[in-house]
Amino acid sequence: MDIRELQGYASFFMTIFLVVMLYGYIIYLYRSEKKGEKDYEKLGNIAIDDEIDSTPVNTSDSVSSEKKEQNK
């Protein structure tokens, strides 16, 4: 087995691995949006609505982090 054959096998298995990881990430995003954990459409609007006086997308994150700090 020479180096070119080894590189071919490594390239093939790396491609398969990355495809599996991509589909796993897509499934994770789909499930978390269906459960209501995150709304990715709101997060996608950050690039469109980036005025200085626009409302924050996630207000619960700042409130929950403040509560965690107070509980310490």
PDB file of N, CA and C in Angstrom:
ATOM      1  N   MET A   1       0.857  -1.175   0.000  1.00  0.00           N
ATOM      2  CA  MET A   1       0.000   0.000   0.000  1.00  0.00           C
ATOM      3  C   MET A   1       0.900   1.234   0.000  1.00  0.00           C
ATOM      4  N   ASP A   2       0.800   2.016  -1.031  1.00  0.00           N
ATOM      5  CA  ASP A   2       1.611   3.223  -1.106  1.00  0.00           C
ATOM      6  C   ASP A   2       0.856   4.418  -0.541  1.00  0.00           C
ATOM      7  N   ILE A   3       1.508   5.551  -0.524  1.00  0.00           N
ATOM      8  CA  ILE A   3       0.962   6.744   0.114  1.00  0.00           C
ATOM      9  C   ILE A   3      -0.263   7.288  -0.623  1.00  0.00           C
ATOM     10  N   ARG A   4      -0.305   7.145  -1.932  1.00  0.00           N
ATOM     11  CA  ARG A   4      -1.445   7.660  -2.693  1.00  0.00           C
ATOM     12  C   ARG A   4      -2.712   6.874  -2.381  1.00  0.00           C
ATOM     13  N   GLU A   5      -2.581   5.595  -2.214  1.00  0.00           N
ATOM     14  CA  GLU A   5      -3.744   4.772  -1.863  1.00  0.00           C
ATOM     15  C   GLU A   5      -4.217   5.103  -0.454  1.00  0.00           C
ATOM     16  N   LEU A   6      -3.294   5.316   0.443  1.00  0.00           N
ATOM     17  CA  LEU A   6      -3.629   5.693   1.819  1.00  0.00           C
ATOM     18  C   LEU A   6      -4.320   7.058   1.849  1.00  0.00           C
ATOM     19  N   GLN A   7      -3.851   7.989   1.039  1.00  0.00           N
ATOM     20  CA  GLN A   7      -4.487   9.307   0.960  1.00  0.00           C
ATOM     21  C   GLN A   7      -5.900   9.209   0.387  1.00  0.00           C
ATOM     22  N   GLY A   8      -6.093   8.309  -0.555  1.00  0.00           N
ATOM     23  CA  GLY A   8      -7.424   8.110  -1.126  1.00  0.00           C
ATOM     24  C   GLY A   8      -8.410   7.587  -0.093  1.00  0.00           C
ATOM     25  N   TYR A   9      -7.981   6.580   0.680  1.00  0.00           N
ATOM     26  CA  TYR A   9      -8.838   6.051   1.742  1.00  0.00           C
ATOM     27  C   TYR A   9      -9.126   7.108   2.809  1.00  0.00           C
ATOM     28  N   ALA A  10      -8.094   7.859   3.199  1.00  0.00           N
ATOM     29  CA  ALA A  10      -8.286   8.896   4.217  1.00  0.00           C
ATOM     30  C   ALA A  10      -9.249   9.972   3.728  1.00  0.00           C
ATOM     31  N   SER A  11      -9.134  10.357   2.483  1.00  0.00           N
ATOM     32  CA  SER A  11     -10.029  11.369   1.920  1.00  0.00           C
ATOM     33  C   SER A  11     -11.470  10.867   1.887  1.00  0.00           C
ATOM     34  N   PHE A  12     -11.648   9.614   1.488  1.00  0.00           N
ATOM     35  CA  PHE A  12     -12.986   9.035   1.426  1.00  0.00           C
ATOM     36  C   PHE A  12     -13.632   8.980   2.810  1.00  0.00           C
ATOM     37  N   PHE A  13     -12.901   8.475   3.798  1.00  0.00           N
ATOM     38  CA  PHE A  13     -13.470   8.351   5.138  1.00  0.00           C
ATOM     39  C   PHE A  13     -13.664   9.714   5.802  1.00  0.00           C
ATOM     40  N   MET A  14     -12.815  10.666   5.508  1.00  0.00           N
ATOM     41  CA  MET A  14     -13.004  12.007   6.053  1.00  0.00           C
ATOM     42  C   MET A  14     -14.252  12.648   5.459  1.00  0.00           C
ATOM     43  N   THR A  15     -14.506  12.435   4.186  1.00  0.00           N
ATOM     44  CA  THR A  15     -15.712  12.969   3.550  1.00  0.00           C
ATOM     45  C   THR A  15     -16.959  12.352   4.168  1.00  0.00           C
ATOM     46  N   ILE A  16     -16.947  11.042   4.369  1.00  0.00           N
ATOM     47  CA  ILE A  16     -18.082  10.365   5.003  1.00  0.00           C
ATOM     48  C   ILE A  16     -18.293  10.883   6.414  1.00  0.00           C
ATOM     49  N   PHE A  17     -17.219  11.053   7.167  1.00  0.00           N
ATOM     50  CA  PHE A  17     -17.308  11.557   8.536  1.00  0.00           C
ATOM     51  C   PHE A  17     -17.908  12.964   8.568  1.00  0.00           C
ATOM     52  N   LEU A  18     -17.450  13.836   7.688  1.00  0.00           N
ATOM     53  CA  LEU A  18     -17.963  15.210   7.665  1.00  0.00           C
ATOM     54  C   LEU A  18     -19.422  15.276   7.230  1.00  0.00           C
ATOM     55  N   VAL A  19     -19.840  14.398   6.328  1.00  0.00           N
ATOM     56  CA  VAL A  19     -21.250  14.355   5.916  1.00  0.00           C
ATOM     57  C   VAL A  19     -22.118  13.924   7.091  1.00  0.00           C
ATOM     58  N   VAL A  20     -21.665  12.915   7.844  1.00  0.00           N
ATOM     59  CA  VAL A  20     -22.422  12.455   9.015  1.00  0.00           C
ATOM     60  C   VAL A  20     -22.513  13.567  10.060  1.00  0.00           C
ATOM     61  N   MET A  21     -21.408  14.285  10.274  1.00  0.00           N
ATOM     62  CA  MET A  21     -21.431  15.385  11.236  1.00  0.00           C
ATOM     63  C   MET A  21     -22.373  16.503  10.779  1.00  0.00           C
ATOM     64  N   LEU A  22     -22.393  16.810   9.489  1.00  0.00           N
ATOM     65  CA  LEU A  22     -23.284  17.842   8.958  1.00  0.00           C
ATOM     66  C   LEU A  22     -24.742  17.458   9.162  1.00  0.00           C
ATOM     67  N   TYR A  23     -25.097  16.227   8.823  1.00  0.00           N
ATOM     68  CA  TYR A  23     -26.482  15.798   9.008  1.00  0.00           C
ATOM     69  C   TYR A  23     -26.854  15.755  10.487  1.00  0.00           C
ATOM     70  N   GLY A  24     -25.934  15.386  11.341  1.00  0.00           N
ATOM     71  CA  GLY A  24     -26.200  15.400  12.780  1.00  0.00           C
ATOM     72  C   GLY A  24     -26.469  16.801  13.283  1.00  0.00           C
ATOM     73  N   TYR A  25     -25.712  17.769  12.800  1.00  0.00           N
ATOM     74  CA  TYR A  25     -25.917  19.159  13.201  1.00  0.00           C
ATOM     75  C   TYR A  25     -27.244  19.695  12.685  1.00  0.00           C
ATOM     76  N   ILE A  26     -27.601  19.339  11.473  1.00  0.00           N
ATOM     77  CA  ILE A  26     -28.887  19.768  10.915  1.00  0.00           C
ATOM     78  C   ILE A  26     -30.035  19.197  11.733  1.00  0.00           C
ATOM     79  N   ILE A  27     -29.940  17.929  12.106  1.00  0.00           N
ATOM     80  CA  ILE A  27     -30.979  17.300  12.930  1.00  0.00           C
ATOM     81  C   ILE A  27     -31.046  17.968  14.296  1.00  0.00           C
ATOM     82  N   TYR A  28     -29.892  18.288  14.886  1.00  0.00           N
ATOM     83  CA  TYR A  28     -29.863  18.986  16.176  1.00  0.00           C
ATOM     84  C   TYR A  28     -30.567  20.339  16.084  1.00  0.00           C
ATOM     85  N   LEU A  29     -30.279  21.107  15.041  1.00  0.00           N
ATOM     86  CA  LEU A  29     -30.923  22.412  14.872  1.00  0.00           C
ATOM     87  C   LEU A  29     -32.431  22.268  14.691  1.00  0.00           C
ATOM     88  N   TYR A  30     -32.840  21.282  13.898  1.00  0.00           N
ATOM     89  CA  TYR A  30     -34.261  21.066  13.648  1.00  0.00           C
ATOM     90  C   TYR A  30     -34.982  20.691  14.940  1.00  0.00           C
ATOM     91  N   ARG A  31     -34.405  19.787  15.715  1.00  0.00           N
ATOM     92  CA  ARG A  31     -35.048  19.351  16.964  1.00  0.00           C
ATOM     93  C   ARG A  31     -35.109  20.468  17.989  1.00  0.00           C
ATOM     94  N   SER A  32     -34.039  21.249  18.113  1.00  0.00           N
ATOM     95  CA  SER A  32     -34.055  22.315  19.108  1.00  0.00           C
ATOM     96  C   SER A  32     -35.046  23.411  18.730  1.00  0.00           C
ATOM     97  N   GLU A  33     -35.252  23.637  17.446  1.00  0.00           N
ATOM     98  CA  GLU A  33     -36.251  24.623  17.042  1.00  0.00           C
ATOM     99  C   GLU A  33     -37.664  24.092  17.276  1.00  0.00           C
ATOM    100  N   LYS A  34     -37.879  22.807  17.042  1.00  0.00           N
ATOM    101  CA  LYS A  34     -39.204  22.219  17.277  1.00  0.00           C
ATOM    102  C   LYS A  34     -39.549  22.193  18.763  1.00  0.00           C
ATOM    103  N   LYS A  35     -38.554  21.989  19.632  1.00  0.00           N
ATOM    104  CA  LYS A  35     -38.795  21.974  21.077  1.00  0.00           C
ATOM    105  C   LYS A  35     -39.033  23.371  21.628  1.00  0.00           C
ATOM    106  N   GLY A  36     -38.664  24.387  20.866  1.00  0.00           N
ATOM    107  CA  GLY A  36     -38.853  25.753  21.312  1.00  0.00           C
ATOM    108  C   GLY A  36     -37.680  26.295  22.094  1.00  0.00           C
ATOM    109  N   GLU A  37     -36.536  25.621  22.054  1.00  0.00           N
ATOM    110  CA  GLU A  37     -35.372  26.097  22.787  1.00  0.00           C
ATOM    111  C   GLU A  37     -34.779  27.350  22.145  1.00  0.00           C
ATOM    112  N   LYS A  38     -34.717  27.383  20.834  1.00  0.00           N
ATOM    113  CA  LYS A  38     -34.193  28.538  20.110  1.00  0.00           C
ATOM    114  C   LYS A  38     -35.062  28.794  18.893  1.00  0.00           C
ATOM    115  N   ASP A  39     -35.137  30.071  18.506  1.00  0.00           N
ATOM    116  CA  ASP A  39     -35.835  30.444  17.288  1.00  0.00           C
ATOM    117  C   ASP A  39     -34.791  30.996  16.329  1.00  0.00           C
ATOM    118  N   TYR A  40     -34.367  30.158  15.392  1.00  0.00           N
ATOM    119  CA  TYR A  40     -33.272  30.529  14.513  1.00  0.00           C
ATOM    120  C   TYR A  40     -33.686  31.555  13.470  1.00  0.00           C
ATOM    121  N   GLU A  41     -34.980  31.721  13.232  1.00  0.00           N
ATOM    122  CA  GLU A  41     -35.413  32.774  12.312  1.00  0.00           C
ATOM    123  C   GLU A  41     -35.193  34.141  12.935  1.00  0.00           C
ATOM    124  N   LYS A  42     -35.433  34.268  14.236  1.00  0.00           N
ATOM    125  CA  LYS A  42     -35.161  35.532  14.910  1.00  0.00           C
ATOM    126  C   LYS A  42     -33.666  35.827  14.898  1.00  0.00           C
ATOM    127  N   LEU A  43     -32.854  34.806  15.139  1.00  0.00           N
ATOM    128  CA  LEU A  43     -31.413  35.009  15.131  1.00  0.00           C
ATOM    129  C   LEU A  43     -30.903  35.356  13.735  1.00  0.00           C
ATOM    130  N   GLY A  44     -31.577  34.869  12.705  1.00  0.00           N
ATOM    131  CA  GLY A  44     -31.182  35.191  11.346  1.00  0.00           C
ATOM    132  C   GLY A  44     -31.485  36.629  10.970  1.00  0.00           C
ATOM    133  N   ASN A  45     -32.407  37.252  11.684  1.00  0.00           N
ATOM    134  CA  ASN A  45     -32.755  38.644  11.392  1.00  0.00           C
ATOM    135  C   ASN A  45     -31.773  39.640  12.004  1.00  0.00           C
ATOM    136  N   ILE A  46     -30.783  39.147  12.736  1.00  0.00           N
ATOM    137  CA  ILE A  46     -29.800  40.053  13.333  1.00  0.00           C
ATOM    138  C   ILE A  46     -29.066  40.830  12.247  1.00  0.00           C
ATOM    139  N   ALA A  47     -28.725  40.176  11.167  1.00  0.00           N
ATOM    140  CA  ALA A  47     -27.982  40.841  10.096  1.00  0.00           C
ATOM    141  C   ALA A  47     -28.831  41.882   9.381  1.00  0.00           C
ATOM    142  N   ILE A  48     -30.125  41.673   9.322  1.00  0.00           N
ATOM    143  CA  ILE A  48     -30.999  42.607   8.623  1.00  0.00           C
ATOM    144  C   ILE A  48     -31.335  43.810   9.494  1.00  0.00           C
ATOM    145  N   ASP A  49     -31.627  43.554  10.764  1.00  0.00           N
ATOM    146  CA  ASP A  49     -32.054  44.619  11.678  1.00  0.00           C
ATOM    147  C   ASP A  49     -30.936  44.864  12.693  1.00  0.00           C
ATOM    148  N   ASP A  50     -29.947  45.661  12.312  1.00  0.00           N
ATOM    149  CA  ASP A  50     -28.830  45.914  13.217  1.00  0.00           C
ATOM    150  C   ASP A  50     -28.684  47.396  13.551  1.00  0.00           C
ATOM    151  N   GLU A  51     -29.799  48.045  13.752  1.00  0.00           N
ATOM    152  CA  GLU A  51     -29.780  49.439  14.169  1.00  0.00           C
ATOM    153  C   GLU A  51     -29.380  49.526  15.635  1.00  0.00           C
ATOM    154  N   ILE A  52     -28.876  50.654  16.045  1.00  0.00           N
ATOM    155  CA  ILE A  52     -28.429  50.831  17.425  1.00  0.00           C
ATOM    156  C   ILE A  52     -29.607  50.826  18.402  1.00  0.00           C
ATOM    157  N   ASP A  53     -30.783  51.247  17.947  1.00  0.00           N
ATOM    158  CA  ASP A  53     -31.938  51.318  18.842  1.00  0.00           C
ATOM    159  C   ASP A  53     -32.913  50.155  18.664  1.00  0.00           C
ATOM    160  N   SER A  54     -32.531  49.108  17.936  1.00  0.00           N
ATOM    161  CA  SER A  54     -33.415  47.955  17.765  1.00  0.00           C
ATOM    162  C   SER A  54     -33.428  47.102  19.035  1.00  0.00           C
ATOM    163  N   THR A  55     -34.505  46.366  19.218  1.00  0.00           N
ATOM    164  CA  THR A  55     -34.652  45.556  20.427  1.00  0.00           C
ATOM    165  C   THR A  55     -33.759  44.317  20.352  1.00  0.00           C
ATOM    166  N   PRO A  56     -33.278  43.849  21.490  1.00  0.00           N
ATOM    167  CA  PRO A  56     -32.447  42.639  21.505  1.00  0.00           C
ATOM    168  C   PRO A  56     -33.262  41.412  21.104  1.00  0.00           C
ATOM    169  N   VAL A  57     -32.597  40.457  20.500  1.00  0.00           N
ATOM    170  CA  VAL A  57     -33.278  39.242  20.061  1.00  0.00           C
ATOM    171  C   VAL A  57     -33.580  38.348  21.250  1.00  0.00           C
ATOM    172  N   ASN A  58     -32.591  38.124  22.095  1.00  0.00           N
ATOM    173  CA  ASN A  58     -32.766  37.265  23.261  1.00  0.00           C
ATOM    174  C   ASN A  58     -32.653  38.100  24.521  1.00  0.00           C
ATOM    175  N   THR A  59     -33.776  38.444  25.093  1.00  0.00           N
ATOM    176  CA  THR A  59     -33.730  39.181  26.346  1.00  0.00           C
ATOM    177  C   THR A  59     -33.621  38.237  27.526  1.00  0.00           C
ATOM    178  N   SER A  60     -34.023  36.988  27.369  1.00  0.00           N
ATOM    179  CA  SER A  60     -33.988  36.046  28.482  1.00  0.00           C
ATOM    180  C   SER A  60     -32.568  35.634  28.838  1.00  0.00           C
ATOM    181  N   ASP A  61     -31.635  35.693  27.889  1.00  0.00           N
ATOM    182  CA  ASP A  61     -30.260  35.317  28.173  1.00  0.00           C
ATOM    183  C   ASP A  61     -29.612  36.273  29.167  1.00  0.00           C
ATOM    184  N   SER A  62     -29.826  37.562  29.000  1.00  0.00           N
ATOM    185  CA  SER A  62     -29.226  38.530  29.919  1.00  0.00           C
ATOM    186  C   SER A  62     -29.885  38.459  31.288  1.00  0.00           C
ATOM    187  N   VAL A  63     -31.179  38.202  31.329  1.00  0.00           N
ATOM    188  CA  VAL A  63     -31.887  38.100  32.600  1.00  0.00           C
ATOM    189  C   VAL A  63     -31.457  36.847  33.339  1.00  0.00           C
ATOM    190  N   SER A  64     -31.331  35.728  32.644  1.00  0.00           N
ATOM    191  CA  SER A  64     -30.944  34.486  33.303  1.00  0.00           C
ATOM    192  C   SER A  64     -29.506  34.549  33.786  1.00  0.00           C
ATOM    193  N   SER A  65     -28.603  35.228  33.078  1.00  0.00           N
ATOM    194  CA  SER A  65     -27.228  35.337  33.520  1.00  0.00           C
ATOM    195  C   SER A  65     -27.138  36.234  34.751  1.00  0.00           C
ATOM    196  N   GLU A  66     -27.989  37.278  34.819  1.00  0.00           N
ATOM    197  CA  GLU A  66     -28.021  38.133  36.009  1.00  0.00           C
ATOM    198  C   GLU A  66     -28.539  37.362  37.213  1.00  0.00           C
ATOM    199  N   LYS A  67     -29.528  36.499  37.024  1.00  0.00           N
ATOM    200  CA  LYS A  67     -30.053  35.692  38.118  1.00  0.00           C
ATOM    201  C   LYS A  67     -29.021  34.695  38.618  1.00  0.00           C
ATOM    202  N   LYS A  68     -28.249  34.124  37.698  1.00  0.00           N
ATOM    203  CA  LYS A  68     -27.200  33.184  38.094  1.00  0.00           C
ATOM    204  C   LYS A  68     -26.138  33.883  38.933  1.00  0.00           C
ATOM    205  N   GLU A  69     -25.797  35.114  38.558  1.00  0.00           N
ATOM    206  CA  GLU A  69     -24.803  35.861  39.307  1.00  0.00           C
ATOM    207  C   GLU A  69     -25.309  36.239  40.694  1.00  0.00           C
ATOM    208  N   GLN A  70     -26.611  36.545  40.819  1.00  0.00           N
ATOM    209  CA  GLN A  70     -27.176  36.905  42.109  1.00  0.00           C
ATOM    210  C   GLN A  70     -27.274  35.700  43.026  1.00  0.00           C
ATOM    211  N   ASN A  71     -27.453  34.498  42.476  1.00  0.00           N
ATOM    212  CA  ASN A  71     -27.579  33.298  43.290  1.00  0.00           C
ATOM    213  C   ASN A  71     -26.250  32.795  43.825  1.00  0.00           C
ATOM    214  N   LYS A  72     -25.148  33.314  43.338  1.00  0.00           N
ATOM    215  CA  LYS A  72     -23.827  32.841  43.790  1.00  0.00           C
ATOM    216  C   LYS A  72     -23.480  33.327  45.154  1.00  0.00           C
TER     217      LYS A  72
END
